[in-house]
Amino acid sequence: MSSPIVERSNRASIGTRIAQPLLRGTVGLGLATLARIGGYGQLEQMLWLGRLIDLPAAVLVPPNGTKRRRVQLEEFRAEWLWHDLADPSQRQDSALLYFHGGGYISGGLNTHRRLVAKIGRASRMPAFHVDYRQLPDAHFTETLDDAVESYKYLLAQGFQPERIIVSGDSAGGGLAFRLALATRERGLPMPGGISAIAPWADFDSTTRNAHPNRHRDSYLPTRILETIVRQGFAIDGELDSTWSSVNHDFTDLPPVLIQVGSTECLLPDAEILTRRCARANVAIQLQIWDRAPHVHHIGSDLLSDARAAIRDLGQFHRQVITGQIPSANGRISVCDRRNTGS
């Protein structure tokens, strides 16, 4: 069995340390209120409020020089984002297939366009950003169908599977893992690599509820995750264990990078995924960022450690494409990454 490479950020930047209480008092309160609404049996109201987020997020424009092209598939839409590269319709060298977060109830192309464009630029590859169906329009099984369809679209366009990286944050990070597993289940070739930012990969909250980070997360309440699963995904009160990525055999998965904050409530999901990868001898790197809020990468315009995390993602993606992934069969290593500034 391989031992995972664990990298720990030595010290949170000043900006990150300031962001923690600010997020807890703003976004945290809003999400807690949303969770209470859903907990009172008003799931439709919670979903409606969640879907409102994407519209005003249109102000989050991609970095200067980013080119964009919309793609309409049968059940969902997507978009290409690229920077200083040939149009992906003309050159199928490599691609980043990205699934946004939002707990399967919110988020979309607008909320994550700027982030995805930055990750694609750091990776030196075009990003195919997918607006998969969410609750209440689709169950998780249909969301997974959309993820598979987006992957098949890239294959049909001429992209080689070993040169496709599947990636995502939060719910999208869990979906990236589940897609890679689904390629094997559906007789498709495996992608070249997986990267996930704070992946939500276990729909059973038992492990998260027993973890001290349940009360340490800067803004994401575990209660909202439980409400989404119980009222949105459960069928007659029951969960299918196969929906969760953590409940599968990871044998033959491609190289993996997971990034997560040290105080996040989703740290247990990242740790379980890491153990599953190690057990299956999959090359796995787990980066635990000191006190980083959930998907702190979105704050990269202000946070130095968020910019560093995006650079690390890009480096990992380039290493996958060039076949330079470090071996994960050595001892666990601890890497100090001293962050300064904001």
C-alpha atoms as a PDB file:
ATOM      1  CA  MET A   1       0.000   0.000   0.000  1.00  0.00           C
ATOM      2  CA  SER A   2       1.281   3.467  -0.912  1.00  0.00           C
ATOM      3  CA  SER A   3       1.767   6.157   1.702  1.00  0.00           C
ATOM      4  CA  PRO A   4       0.183   9.464   0.748  1.00  0.00           C
ATOM      5  CA  ILE A   5       2.246  12.604   0.437  1.00  0.00           C
ATOM      6  CA  VAL A   6       0.797  15.075   2.940  1.00  0.00           C
ATOM      7  CA  GLU A   7       1.785  18.710   2.597  1.00  0.00           C
ATOM      8  CA  ARG A   8       0.920  21.144   5.371  1.00  0.00           C
ATOM      9  CA  SER A   9       0.970  24.896   5.000  1.00  0.00           C
ATOM     10  CA  ASN A  10       3.043  26.126   7.939  1.00  0.00           C
ATOM     11  CA  ARG A  11       1.226  29.369   8.622  1.00  0.00           C
ATOM     12  CA  ALA A  12      -1.885  31.088   7.304  1.00  0.00           C
ATOM     13  CA  SER A  13      -1.362  34.454   5.645  1.00  0.00           C
ATOM     14  CA  ILE A  14      -2.580  37.591   7.386  1.00  0.00           C
ATOM     15  CA  GLY A  15      -5.404  37.861   4.875  1.00  0.00           C
ATOM     16  CA  THR A  16      -6.567  34.332   5.589  1.00  0.00           C
ATOM     17  CA  ARG A  17      -6.510  34.916   9.335  1.00  0.00           C
ATOM     18  CA  ILE A  18      -8.647  38.019   8.881  1.00  0.00           C
ATOM     19  CA  ALA A  19     -11.008  36.216   6.488  1.00  0.00           C
ATOM     20  CA  GLN A  20     -11.888  33.524   9.033  1.00  0.00           C
ATOM     21  CA  PRO A  21     -13.974  35.684  11.446  1.00  0.00           C
ATOM     22  CA  LEU A  22     -15.321  37.858   8.638  1.00  0.00           C
ATOM     23  CA  LEU A  23     -16.713  34.851   6.792  1.00  0.00           C
ATOM     24  CA  ARG A  24     -18.116  33.345   9.971  1.00  0.00           C
ATOM     25  CA  GLY A  25     -20.070  36.522  10.694  1.00  0.00           C
ATOM     26  CA  THR A  26     -21.386  36.983   7.152  1.00  0.00           C
ATOM     27  CA  VAL A  27     -21.489  33.985   4.825  1.00  0.00           C
ATOM     28  CA  GLY A  28     -21.596  31.608   7.795  1.00  0.00           C
ATOM     29  CA  LEU A  29     -24.691  33.269   9.215  1.00  0.00           C
ATOM     30  CA  GLY A  30     -26.371  33.241   5.817  1.00  0.00           C
ATOM     31  CA  LEU A  31     -25.709  29.543   5.237  1.00  0.00           C
ATOM     32  CA  ALA A  32     -26.796  28.686   8.765  1.00  0.00           C
ATOM     33  CA  THR A  33     -30.085  30.489   8.094  1.00  0.00           C
ATOM     34  CA  LEU A  34     -30.449  28.595   4.818  1.00  0.00           C
ATOM     35  CA  ALA A  35     -29.859  25.320   6.669  1.00  0.00           C
ATOM     36  CA  ARG A  36     -32.538  26.193   9.226  1.00  0.00           C
ATOM     37  CA  ILE A  37     -35.021  26.957   6.454  1.00  0.00           C
ATOM     38  CA  GLY A  38     -34.382  23.551   4.928  1.00  0.00           C
ATOM     39  CA  GLY A  39     -34.436  21.905   8.335  1.00  0.00           C
ATOM     40  CA  TYR A  40     -37.947  23.205   8.938  1.00  0.00           C
ATOM     41  CA  GLY A  41     -39.116  21.233   5.917  1.00  0.00           C
ATOM     42  CA  GLN A  42     -39.027  24.198   3.551  1.00  0.00           C
ATOM     43  CA  LEU A  43     -36.607  22.632   1.085  1.00  0.00           C
ATOM     44  CA  GLU A  44     -38.103  24.389  -1.934  1.00  0.00           C
ATOM     45  CA  GLN A  45     -37.453  27.800  -0.352  1.00  0.00           C
ATOM     46  CA  MET A  46     -33.883  26.808   0.482  1.00  0.00           C
ATOM     47  CA  LEU A  47     -33.259  25.627  -3.075  1.00  0.00           C
ATOM     48  CA  TRP A  48     -34.822  28.754  -4.533  1.00  0.00           C
ATOM     49  CA  LEU A  49     -32.589  30.991  -2.418  1.00  0.00           C
ATOM     50  CA  GLY A  50     -29.547  28.913  -3.314  1.00  0.00           C
ATOM     51  CA  ARG A  51     -30.127  29.261  -7.040  1.00  0.00           C
ATOM     52  CA  LEU A  52     -30.327  33.062  -6.788  1.00  0.00           C
ATOM     53  CA  ILE A  53     -26.592  33.268  -6.148  1.00  0.00           C
ATOM     54  CA  ASP A  54     -25.453  32.716  -9.721  1.00  0.00           C
ATOM     55  CA  LEU A  55     -27.193  35.727 -11.280  1.00  0.00           C
ATOM     56  CA  PRO A  56     -25.421  38.556  -9.373  1.00  0.00           C
ATOM     57  CA  ALA A  57     -22.162  36.603  -9.630  1.00  0.00           C
ATOM     58  CA  ALA A  58     -22.007  37.658 -13.290  1.00  0.00           C
ATOM     59  CA  VAL A  59     -19.926  40.609 -12.056  1.00  0.00           C
ATOM     60  CA  LEU A  60     -17.064  38.167 -11.367  1.00  0.00           C
ATOM     61  CA  VAL A  61     -15.525  38.502 -14.812  1.00  0.00           C
ATOM     62  CA  PRO A  62     -12.586  36.292 -15.822  1.00  0.00           C
ATOM     63  CA  PRO A  63      -9.056  37.733 -15.897  1.00  0.00           C
ATOM     64  CA  ASN A  64      -8.097  40.013 -18.773  1.00  0.00           C
ATOM     65  CA  GLY A  65      -7.246  38.108 -21.910  1.00  0.00           C
ATOM     66  CA  THR A  66      -9.510  35.160 -21.144  1.00  0.00           C
ATOM     67  CA  LYS A  67     -11.444  33.891 -24.137  1.00  0.00           C
ATOM     68  CA  ARG A  68     -14.824  32.254 -23.675  1.00  0.00           C
ATOM     69  CA  ARG A  69     -17.154  30.125 -25.794  1.00  0.00           C
ATOM     70  CA  ARG A  70     -20.508  28.680 -24.748  1.00  0.00           C
ATOM     71  CA  VAL A  71     -21.450  25.062 -25.457  1.00  0.00           C
ATOM     72  CA  GLN A  72     -25.006  23.730 -25.241  1.00  0.00           C
ATOM     73  CA  LEU A  73     -25.374  20.017 -24.613  1.00  0.00           C
ATOM     74  CA  GLU A  74     -28.666  18.156 -24.526  1.00  0.00           C
ATOM     75  CA  GLU A  75     -29.464  18.543 -20.815  1.00  0.00           C
ATOM     76  CA  PHE A  76     -27.078  21.274 -19.646  1.00  0.00           C
ATOM     77  CA  ARG A  77     -24.760  24.029 -20.762  1.00  0.00           C
ATOM     78  CA  ALA A  78     -21.022  24.534 -20.400  1.00  0.00           C
ATOM     79  CA  GLU A  79     -18.330  26.908 -21.546  1.00  0.00           C
ATOM     80  CA  TRP A  80     -14.750  26.863 -22.709  1.00  0.00           C
ATOM     81  CA  LEU A  81     -12.307  29.223 -21.007  1.00  0.00           C
ATOM     82  CA  TRP A  82      -8.758  29.668 -22.270  1.00  0.00           C
ATOM     83  CA  HIS A  83      -5.909  32.175 -22.151  1.00  0.00           C
ATOM     84  CA  ASP A  84      -2.917  32.541 -24.511  1.00  0.00           C
ATOM     85  CA  LEU A  85      -3.780  29.220 -26.152  1.00  0.00           C
ATOM     86  CA  ALA A  86      -5.302  28.051 -29.402  1.00  0.00           C
ATOM     87  CA  ASP A  87      -9.077  27.691 -29.540  1.00  0.00           C
ATOM     88  CA  PRO A  88      -9.839  24.211 -28.107  1.00  0.00           C
ATOM     89  CA  SER A  89     -12.007  23.514 -31.151  1.00  0.00           C
ATOM     90  CA  GLN A  90      -8.851  23.774 -33.270  1.00  0.00           C
ATOM     91  CA  ARG A  91      -6.281  22.119 -31.019  1.00  0.00           C
ATOM     92  CA  GLN A  92      -7.111  19.187 -28.735  1.00  0.00           C
ATOM     93  CA  ASP A  93      -3.834  19.009 -26.840  1.00  0.00           C
ATOM     94  CA  SER A  94      -5.154  18.816 -23.256  1.00  0.00           C
ATOM     95  CA  ALA A  95      -8.186  19.928 -21.264  1.00  0.00           C
ATOM     96  CA  LEU A  96      -9.297  20.657 -17.722  1.00  0.00           C
ATOM     97  CA  LEU A  97     -12.832  19.370 -17.085  1.00  0.00           C
ATOM     98  CA  TYR A  98     -14.148  21.407 -14.151  1.00  0.00           C
ATOM     99  CA  PHE A  99     -17.233  20.984 -11.944  1.00  0.00           C
ATOM    100  CA  HIS A 100     -18.188  23.934  -9.742  1.00  0.00           C
ATOM    101  CA  GLY A 101     -19.235  23.648  -6.105  1.00  0.00           C
ATOM    102  CA  GLY A 102     -22.411  24.803  -4.407  1.00  0.00           C
ATOM    103  CA  GLY A 103     -23.766  21.752  -2.601  1.00  0.00           C
ATOM    104  CA  TYR A 104     -25.793  20.649  -5.659  1.00  0.00           C
ATOM    105  CA  ILE A 105     -28.206  23.533  -4.975  1.00  0.00           C
ATOM    106  CA  SER A 106     -26.310  26.662  -5.993  1.00  0.00           C
ATOM    107  CA  GLY A 107     -23.427  27.966  -8.019  1.00  0.00           C
ATOM    108  CA  GLY A 108     -22.950  27.935 -11.756  1.00  0.00           C
ATOM    109  CA  LEU A 109     -20.937  29.368 -14.602  1.00  0.00           C
ATOM    110  CA  ASN A 110     -21.059  32.889 -13.176  1.00  0.00           C
ATOM    111  CA  THR A 111     -19.972  32.085  -9.624  1.00  0.00           C
ATOM    112  CA  HIS A 112     -16.930  30.079 -10.693  1.00  0.00           C
ATOM    113  CA  ARG A 113     -15.920  31.519 -14.079  1.00  0.00           C
ATOM    114  CA  ARG A 114     -13.138  33.696 -12.683  1.00  0.00           C
ATOM    115  CA  LEU A 115     -11.723  30.900 -10.532  1.00  0.00           C
ATOM    116  CA  VAL A 116     -11.865  28.290 -13.295  1.00  0.00           C
ATOM    117  CA  ALA A 117     -10.192  30.663 -15.752  1.00  0.00           C
ATOM    118  CA  LYS A 118      -7.366  31.238 -13.249  1.00  0.00           C
ATOM    119  CA  ILE A 119      -6.863  27.518 -12.683  1.00  0.00           C
ATOM    120  CA  GLY A 120      -6.883  26.887 -16.432  1.00  0.00           C
ATOM    121  CA  ARG A 121      -4.327  29.637 -17.000  1.00  0.00           C
ATOM    122  CA  ALA A 122      -2.084  28.264 -14.224  1.00  0.00           C
ATOM    123  CA  SER A 123      -2.413  24.827 -15.814  1.00  0.00           C
ATOM    124  CA  ARG A 124      -1.686  26.143 -19.326  1.00  0.00           C
ATOM    125  CA  MET A 125      -4.672  24.334 -20.700  1.00  0.00           C
ATOM    126  CA  PRO A 126      -8.222  25.244 -21.721  1.00  0.00           C
ATOM    127  CA  ALA A 127     -10.916  24.630 -19.121  1.00  0.00           C
ATOM    128  CA  PHE A 128     -14.295  23.102 -19.923  1.00  0.00           C
ATOM    129  CA  HIS A 129     -16.551  24.483 -17.195  1.00  0.00           C
ATOM    130  CA  VAL A 130     -19.766  22.487 -16.734  1.00  0.00           C
ATOM    131  CA  ASP A 131     -23.102  23.833 -15.487  1.00  0.00           C
ATOM    132  CA  TYR A 132     -24.519  20.428 -14.542  1.00  0.00           C
ATOM    133  CA  ARG A 133     -28.135  20.010 -13.408  1.00  0.00           C
ATOM    134  CA  GLN A 134     -28.811  20.421  -9.680  1.00  0.00           C
ATOM    135  CA  LEU A 135     -31.623  20.103  -7.178  1.00  0.00           C
ATOM    136  CA  PRO A 136     -34.571  20.445  -7.549  1.00  0.00           C
ATOM    137  CA  ASP A 137     -34.269  19.845 -11.313  1.00  0.00           C
ATOM    138  CA  ALA A 138     -32.159  16.706 -11.019  1.00  0.00           C
ATOM    139  CA  HIS A 139     -31.217  14.000  -8.546  1.00  0.00           C
ATOM    140  CA  PHE A 140     -27.548  13.239  -7.958  1.00  0.00           C
ATOM    141  CA  THR A 141     -27.754  10.284 -10.340  1.00  0.00           C
ATOM    142  CA  GLU A 142     -28.736  12.681 -13.129  1.00  0.00           C
ATOM    143  CA  THR A 143     -25.997  15.109 -12.108  1.00  0.00           C
ATOM    144  CA  LEU A 144     -23.539  12.237 -12.511  1.00  0.00           C
ATOM    145  CA  ASP A 145     -25.027  11.523 -15.948  1.00  0.00           C
ATOM    146  CA  ASP A 146     -24.253  15.126 -16.903  1.00  0.00           C
ATOM    147  CA  ALA A 147     -20.666  14.749 -15.693  1.00  0.00           C
ATOM    148  CA  VAL A 148     -20.241  11.590 -17.773  1.00  0.00           C
ATOM    149  CA  GLU A 149     -21.802  13.298 -20.786  1.00  0.00           C
ATOM    150  CA  SER A 150     -19.378  16.227 -20.485  1.00  0.00           C
ATOM    151  CA  TYR A 151     -16.451  13.799 -20.419  1.00  0.00           C
ATOM    152  CA  LYS A 152     -17.797  11.935 -23.454  1.00  0.00           C
ATOM    153  CA  TYR A 153     -18.142  15.284 -25.216  1.00  0.00           C
ATOM    154  CA  LEU A 154     -14.431  15.978 -24.744  1.00  0.00           C
ATOM    155  CA  LEU A 155     -13.549  12.517 -26.044  1.00  0.00           C
ATOM    156  CA  ALA A 156     -15.754  13.068 -29.082  1.00  0.00           C
ATOM    157  CA  GLN A 157     -13.985  16.380 -29.738  1.00  0.00           C
ATOM    158  CA  GLY A 158     -10.710  14.506 -30.055  1.00  0.00           C
ATOM    159  CA  PHE A 159      -9.140  14.973 -26.610  1.00  0.00           C
ATOM    160  CA  GLN A 160      -7.189  11.934 -25.471  1.00  0.00           C
ATOM    161  CA  PRO A 161      -8.370  10.615 -22.067  1.00  0.00           C
ATOM    162  CA  GLU A 162      -4.880  10.595 -20.557  1.00  0.00           C
ATOM    163  CA  ARG A 163      -4.639  14.326 -21.343  1.00  0.00           C
ATOM    164  CA  ILE A 164      -7.890  15.245 -19.591  1.00  0.00           C
ATOM    165  CA  ILE A 165      -7.792  16.346 -15.942  1.00  0.00           C
ATOM    166  CA  VAL A 166     -11.094  16.150 -14.050  1.00  0.00           C
ATOM    167  CA  SER A 167     -11.342  18.735 -11.302  1.00  0.00           C
ATOM    168  CA  GLY A 168     -13.777  20.550  -9.055  1.00  0.00           C
ATOM    169  CA  ASP A 169     -14.398  22.181  -5.717  1.00  0.00           C
ATOM    170  CA  SER A 170     -16.651  21.092  -2.838  1.00  0.00           C
ATOM    171  CA  ALA A 171     -19.610  19.231  -4.386  1.00  0.00           C
ATOM    172  CA  GLY A 172     -17.809  19.489  -7.718  1.00  0.00           C
ATOM    173  CA  GLY A 173     -14.710  17.928  -6.186  1.00  0.00           C
ATOM    174  CA  GLY A 174     -16.701  14.929  -5.034  1.00  0.00           C
ATOM    175  CA  LEU A 175     -18.311  14.774  -8.475  1.00  0.00           C
ATOM    176  CA  ALA A 176     -14.874  14.733 -10.132  1.00  0.00           C
ATOM    177  CA  PHE A 177     -13.981  11.591  -8.167  1.00  0.00           C
ATOM    178  CA  ARG A 178     -17.345  10.001  -8.869  1.00  0.00           C
ATOM    179  CA  LEU A 179     -16.955  10.704 -12.590  1.00  0.00           C
ATOM    180  CA  ALA A 180     -13.560   9.000 -12.687  1.00  0.00           C
ATOM    181  CA  LEU A 181     -15.110   5.948 -11.034  1.00  0.00           C
ATOM    182  CA  ALA A 182     -18.071   6.088 -13.427  1.00  0.00           C
ATOM    183  CA  THR A 183     -15.787   5.921 -16.460  1.00  0.00           C
ATOM    184  CA  ARG A 184     -14.720   2.468 -15.319  1.00  0.00           C
ATOM    185  CA  GLU A 185     -18.313   1.424 -14.586  1.00  0.00           C
ATOM    186  CA  ARG A 186     -19.488   2.562 -18.026  1.00  0.00           C
ATOM    187  CA  GLY A 187     -16.621   1.183 -20.077  1.00  0.00           C
ATOM    188  CA  LEU A 188     -14.962   4.525 -20.799  1.00  0.00           C
ATOM    189  CA  PRO A 189     -11.226   5.210 -20.663  1.00  0.00           C
ATOM    190  CA  MET A 190      -9.941   6.689 -17.420  1.00  0.00           C
ATOM    191  CA  PRO A 191      -8.905  10.378 -17.384  1.00  0.00           C
ATOM    192  CA  GLY A 192      -5.292  11.353 -16.825  1.00  0.00           C
ATOM    193  CA  GLY A 193      -5.660  12.904 -13.384  1.00  0.00           C
ATOM    194  CA  ILE A 194      -7.990  14.158 -10.656  1.00  0.00           C
ATOM    195  CA  SER A 195      -7.733  17.326  -8.584  1.00  0.00           C
ATOM    196  CA  ALA A 196     -10.223  18.332  -5.926  1.00  0.00           C
ATOM    197  CA  ILE A 197     -10.592  21.373  -3.701  1.00  0.00           C
ATOM    198  CA  ALA A 198     -12.243  20.478  -0.371  1.00  0.00           C
ATOM    199  CA  PRO A 199     -14.293  17.670  -1.953  1.00  0.00           C
ATOM    200  CA  TRP A 200     -17.694  16.696  -0.563  1.00  0.00           C
ATOM    201  CA  ALA A 201     -17.323  12.996  -1.203  1.00  0.00           C
ATOM    202  CA  ASP A 202     -19.378  11.295   1.530  1.00  0.00           C
ATOM    203  CA  PHE A 203     -23.138  11.845   1.697  1.00  0.00           C
ATOM    204  CA  ASP A 204     -23.217  10.097   5.090  1.00  0.00           C
ATOM    205  CA  SER A 205     -22.420  12.768   7.694  1.00  0.00           C
ATOM    206  CA  THR A 206     -21.498  10.360  10.510  1.00  0.00           C
ATOM    207  CA  THR A 207     -17.723  10.845  10.228  1.00  0.00           C
ATOM    208  CA  ARG A 208     -17.981  14.621   9.775  1.00  0.00           C
ATOM    209  CA  ASN A 209     -20.253  14.959  12.805  1.00  0.00           C
ATOM    210  CA  ALA A 210     -17.717  13.149  14.974  1.00  0.00           C
ATOM    211  CA  HIS A 211     -14.832  15.364  13.805  1.00  0.00           C
ATOM    212  CA  PRO A 212     -13.812  18.486  15.784  1.00  0.00           C
ATOM    213  CA  ASN A 213     -13.906  20.548  12.591  1.00  0.00           C
ATOM    214  CA  ARG A 214     -17.677  20.379  12.719  1.00  0.00           C
ATOM    215  CA  HIS A 215     -17.471  23.382  15.042  1.00  0.00           C
ATOM    216  CA  ARG A 216     -14.329  24.948  13.592  1.00  0.00           C
ATOM    217  CA  ASP A 217     -15.297  25.581   9.967  1.00  0.00           C
ATOM    218  CA  SER A 218     -15.277  29.299   9.205  1.00  0.00           C
ATOM    219  CA  TYR A 219     -18.598  29.347   7.398  1.00  0.00           C
ATOM    220  CA  LEU A 220     -19.848  25.998   6.038  1.00  0.00           C
ATOM    221  CA  PRO A 221     -22.347  24.352   8.436  1.00  0.00           C
ATOM    222  CA  THR A 222     -22.517  20.554   8.359  1.00  0.00           C
ATOM    223  CA  ARG A 223     -26.255  20.891   8.932  1.00  0.00           C
ATOM    224  CA  ILE A 224     -26.813  22.226   5.419  1.00  0.00           C
ATOM    225  CA  LEU A 225     -25.044  19.193   3.934  1.00  0.00           C
ATOM    226  CA  GLU A 226     -27.228  16.861   5.975  1.00  0.00           C
ATOM    227  CA  THR A 227     -30.399  18.707   4.921  1.00  0.00           C
ATOM    228  CA  ILE A 228     -29.505  18.523   1.221  1.00  0.00           C
ATOM    229  CA  VAL A 229     -28.892  14.792   1.428  1.00  0.00           C
ATOM    230  CA  ARG A 230     -31.839  13.927   3.668  1.00  0.00           C
ATOM    231  CA  GLN A 231     -34.451  15.988   1.846  1.00  0.00           C
ATOM    232  CA  GLY A 232     -32.971  16.199  -1.621  1.00  0.00           C
ATOM    233  CA  PHE A 233     -31.210  12.908  -2.368  1.00  0.00           C
ATOM    234  CA  ALA A 234     -32.517  10.259   0.028  1.00  0.00           C
ATOM    235  CA  ILE A 235     -35.184   8.001  -1.454  1.00  0.00           C
ATOM    236  CA  ASP A 236     -37.764   6.922   1.141  1.00  0.00           C
ATOM    237  CA  GLY A 237     -35.272   8.041   3.758  1.00  0.00           C
ATOM    238  CA  GLU A 238     -32.508   5.799   2.416  1.00  0.00           C
ATOM    239  CA  LEU A 239     -29.157   6.632   0.824  1.00  0.00           C
ATOM    240  CA  ASP A 240     -27.463   4.500  -1.805  1.00  0.00           C
ATOM    241  CA  SER A 241     -23.867   4.089  -0.637  1.00  0.00           C
ATOM    242  CA  THR A 242     -22.658   4.013  -4.254  1.00  0.00           C
ATOM    243  CA  TRP A 243     -23.531   7.691  -4.677  1.00  0.00           C
ATOM    244  CA  SER A 244     -20.615   8.618  -2.401  1.00  0.00           C
ATOM    245  CA  SER A 245     -17.150   8.454  -3.930  1.00  0.00           C
ATOM    246  CA  VAL A 246     -15.574   7.256  -0.690  1.00  0.00           C
ATOM    247  CA  ASN A 247     -17.426   3.926  -0.868  1.00  0.00           C
ATOM    248  CA  HIS A 248     -15.688   2.608  -3.980  1.00  0.00           C
ATOM    249  CA  ASP A 249     -12.576   0.689  -4.924  1.00  0.00           C
ATOM    250  CA  PHE A 250     -10.002   3.222  -6.158  1.00  0.00           C
ATOM    251  CA  THR A 251      -7.839   0.684  -7.972  1.00  0.00           C
ATOM    252  CA  ASP A 252      -6.414   2.081 -11.227  1.00  0.00           C
ATOM    253  CA  LEU A 253      -7.491   5.663 -10.559  1.00  0.00           C
ATOM    254  CA  PRO A 254      -5.066   8.233 -12.049  1.00  0.00           C
ATOM    255  CA  PRO A 255      -2.849  10.526  -9.930  1.00  0.00           C
ATOM    256  CA  VAL A 256      -4.729  12.697  -7.443  1.00  0.00           C
ATOM    257  CA  LEU A 257      -4.215  16.051  -5.731  1.00  0.00           C
ATOM    258  CA  ILE A 258      -6.556  17.143  -2.912  1.00  0.00           C
ATOM    259  CA  GLN A 259      -6.423  20.578  -1.289  1.00  0.00           C
ATOM    260  CA  VAL A 260      -8.364  21.389   1.881  1.00  0.00           C
ATOM    261  CA  GLY A 261      -8.250  23.810   4.821  1.00  0.00           C
ATOM    262  CA  SER A 262      -7.105  22.569   8.227  1.00  0.00           C
ATOM    263  CA  THR A 263     -10.326  23.730   9.938  1.00  0.00           C
ATOM    264  CA  GLU A 264     -12.842  22.741   7.247  1.00  0.00           C
ATOM    265  CA  CYS A 265     -15.736  20.461   8.075  1.00  0.00           C
ATOM    266  CA  LEU A 266     -14.919  18.608   4.840  1.00  0.00           C
ATOM    267  CA  LEU A 267     -11.403  17.710   5.998  1.00  0.00           C
ATOM    268  CA  PRO A 268     -12.650  14.197   6.987  1.00  0.00           C
ATOM    269  CA  ASP A 269     -13.864  13.624   3.414  1.00  0.00           C
ATOM    270  CA  ALA A 270     -10.426  14.567   2.089  1.00  0.00           C
ATOM    271  CA  GLU A 271      -8.743  12.276   4.593  1.00  0.00           C
ATOM    272  CA  ILE A 272     -10.971   9.316   3.707  1.00  0.00           C
ATOM    273  CA  LEU A 273     -10.343   9.840  -0.019  1.00  0.00           C
ATOM    274  CA  THR A 274      -6.615   9.958   0.680  1.00  0.00           C
ATOM    275  CA  ARG A 275      -6.713   6.667   2.579  1.00  0.00           C
ATOM    276  CA  ARG A 276      -8.743   5.028  -0.205  1.00  0.00           C
ATOM    277  CA  CYS A 277      -6.167   6.169  -2.761  1.00  0.00           C
ATOM    278  CA  ALA A 278      -3.245   4.939  -0.656  1.00  0.00           C
ATOM    279  CA  ARG A 279      -4.930   1.574  -0.139  1.00  0.00           C
ATOM    280  CA  ALA A 280      -5.298   1.196  -3.919  1.00  0.00           C
ATOM    281  CA  ASN A 281      -1.703   2.326  -4.605  1.00  0.00           C
ATOM    282  CA  VAL A 282      -2.901   5.483  -6.357  1.00  0.00           C
ATOM    283  CA  ALA A 283      -0.442   8.393  -6.434  1.00  0.00           C
ATOM    284  CA  ILE A 284      -2.049  10.870  -4.021  1.00  0.00           C
ATOM    285  CA  GLN A 285      -0.984  14.251  -2.661  1.00  0.00           C
ATOM    286  CA  LEU A 286      -3.030  15.835   0.134  1.00  0.00           C
ATOM    287  CA  GLN A 287      -2.402  19.509   0.865  1.00  0.00           C
ATOM    288  CA  ILE A 288      -3.807  20.799   4.155  1.00  0.00           C
ATOM    289  CA  TRP A 289      -3.784  24.595   4.178  1.00  0.00           C
ATOM    290  CA  ASP A 290      -3.541  26.269   7.572  1.00  0.00           C
ATOM    291  CA  ARG A 291      -6.906  27.784   8.577  1.00  0.00           C
ATOM    292  CA  ALA A 292      -7.919  28.262   4.943  1.00  0.00           C
ATOM    293  CA  PRO A 293     -11.673  28.828   4.559  1.00  0.00           C
ATOM    294  CA  HIS A 294     -13.703  26.528   2.363  1.00  0.00           C
ATOM    295  CA  VAL A 295     -12.504  26.942  -1.260  1.00  0.00           C
ATOM    296  CA  HIS A 296     -10.342  29.912  -0.296  1.00  0.00           C
ATOM    297  CA  HIS A 297      -9.080  29.908  -3.892  1.00  0.00           C
ATOM    298  CA  ILE A 298     -12.038  32.133  -4.795  1.00  0.00           C
ATOM    299  CA  GLY A 299     -10.355  34.901  -2.768  1.00  0.00           C
ATOM    300  CA  SER A 300      -7.108  34.749  -4.739  1.00  0.00           C
ATOM    301  CA  ASP A 301      -7.370  38.427  -5.704  1.00  0.00           C
ATOM    302  CA  LEU A 302      -6.707  39.209  -2.024  1.00  0.00           C
ATOM    303  CA  LEU A 303      -5.177  36.092  -0.419  1.00  0.00           C
ATOM    304  CA  SER A 304      -1.576  35.117  -1.103  1.00  0.00           C
ATOM    305  CA  ASP A 305      -2.044  31.516   0.019  1.00  0.00           C
ATOM    306  CA  ALA A 306      -5.056  31.193  -2.305  1.00  0.00           C
ATOM    307  CA  ARG A 307      -2.838  32.257  -5.190  1.00  0.00           C
ATOM    308  CA  ALA A 308      -0.239  29.736  -4.072  1.00  0.00           C
ATOM    309  CA  ALA A 309      -2.874  26.983  -3.980  1.00  0.00           C
ATOM    310  CA  ILE A 310      -3.917  27.789  -7.557  1.00  0.00           C
ATOM    311  CA  ARG A 311      -0.265  27.693  -8.650  1.00  0.00           C
ATOM    312  CA  ASP A 312       0.079  24.259  -7.042  1.00  0.00           C
ATOM    313  CA  LEU A 313      -3.007  23.030  -8.888  1.00  0.00           C
ATOM    314  CA  GLY A 314      -1.570  24.253 -12.160  1.00  0.00           C
ATOM    315  CA  GLN A 315       1.770  22.607 -11.460  1.00  0.00           C
ATOM    316  CA  PHE A 316       0.089  19.299 -10.631  1.00  0.00           C
ATOM    317  CA  HIS A 317      -1.972  19.418 -13.835  1.00  0.00           C
ATOM    318  CA  ARG A 318       1.113  20.096 -15.939  1.00  0.00           C
ATOM    319  CA  GLN A 319       2.968  17.260 -14.226  1.00  0.00           C
ATOM    320  CA  VAL A 320       0.127  14.869 -15.046  1.00  0.00           C
ATOM    321  CA  ILE A 321       0.177  15.838 -18.709  1.00  0.00           C
ATOM    322  CA  THR A 322       3.961  15.510 -18.935  1.00  0.00           C
ATOM    323  CA  GLY A 323       4.143  12.301 -16.874  1.00  0.00           C
ATOM    324  CA  GLN A 324       6.196  13.869 -14.069  1.00  0.00           C
ATOM    325  CA  ILE A 325       4.021  13.061 -11.041  1.00  0.00           C
ATOM    326  CA  PRO A 326       6.184  12.338  -7.971  1.00  0.00           C
ATOM    327  CA  SER A 327       5.929   8.841  -6.558  1.00  0.00           C
ATOM    328  CA  ALA A 328       3.548   8.464  -3.610  1.00  0.00           C
ATOM    329  CA  ASN A 329       5.020   5.221  -2.321  1.00  0.00           C
ATOM    330  CA  GLY A 330       7.492   6.771   0.089  1.00  0.00           C
ATOM    331  CA  ARG A 331       7.072   7.940   3.653  1.00  0.00           C
ATOM    332  CA  ILE A 332       4.619  10.692   4.511  1.00  0.00           C
ATOM    333  CA  SER A 333       6.365  14.023   4.104  1.00  0.00           C
ATOM    334  CA  VAL A 334       5.506  17.373   5.661  1.00  0.00           C
ATOM    335  CA  CYS A 335       6.173  20.434   3.543  1.00  0.00           C
ATOM    336  CA  ASP A 336       6.293  23.863   5.233  1.00  0.00           C
ATOM    337  CA  ARG A 337       4.937  26.566   2.986  1.00  0.00           C
ATOM    338  CA  ARG A 338       5.581  29.873   4.741  1.00  0.00           C
ATOM    339  CA  ASN A 339       2.991  32.357   3.518  1.00  0.00           C
ATOM    340  CA  THR A 340       3.421  36.054   4.116  1.00  0.00           C
ATOM    341  CA  GLY A 341       1.408  39.070   3.129  1.00  0.00           C
ATOM    342  CA  SER A 342      -2.278  39.155   2.225  1.00  0.00           C
END
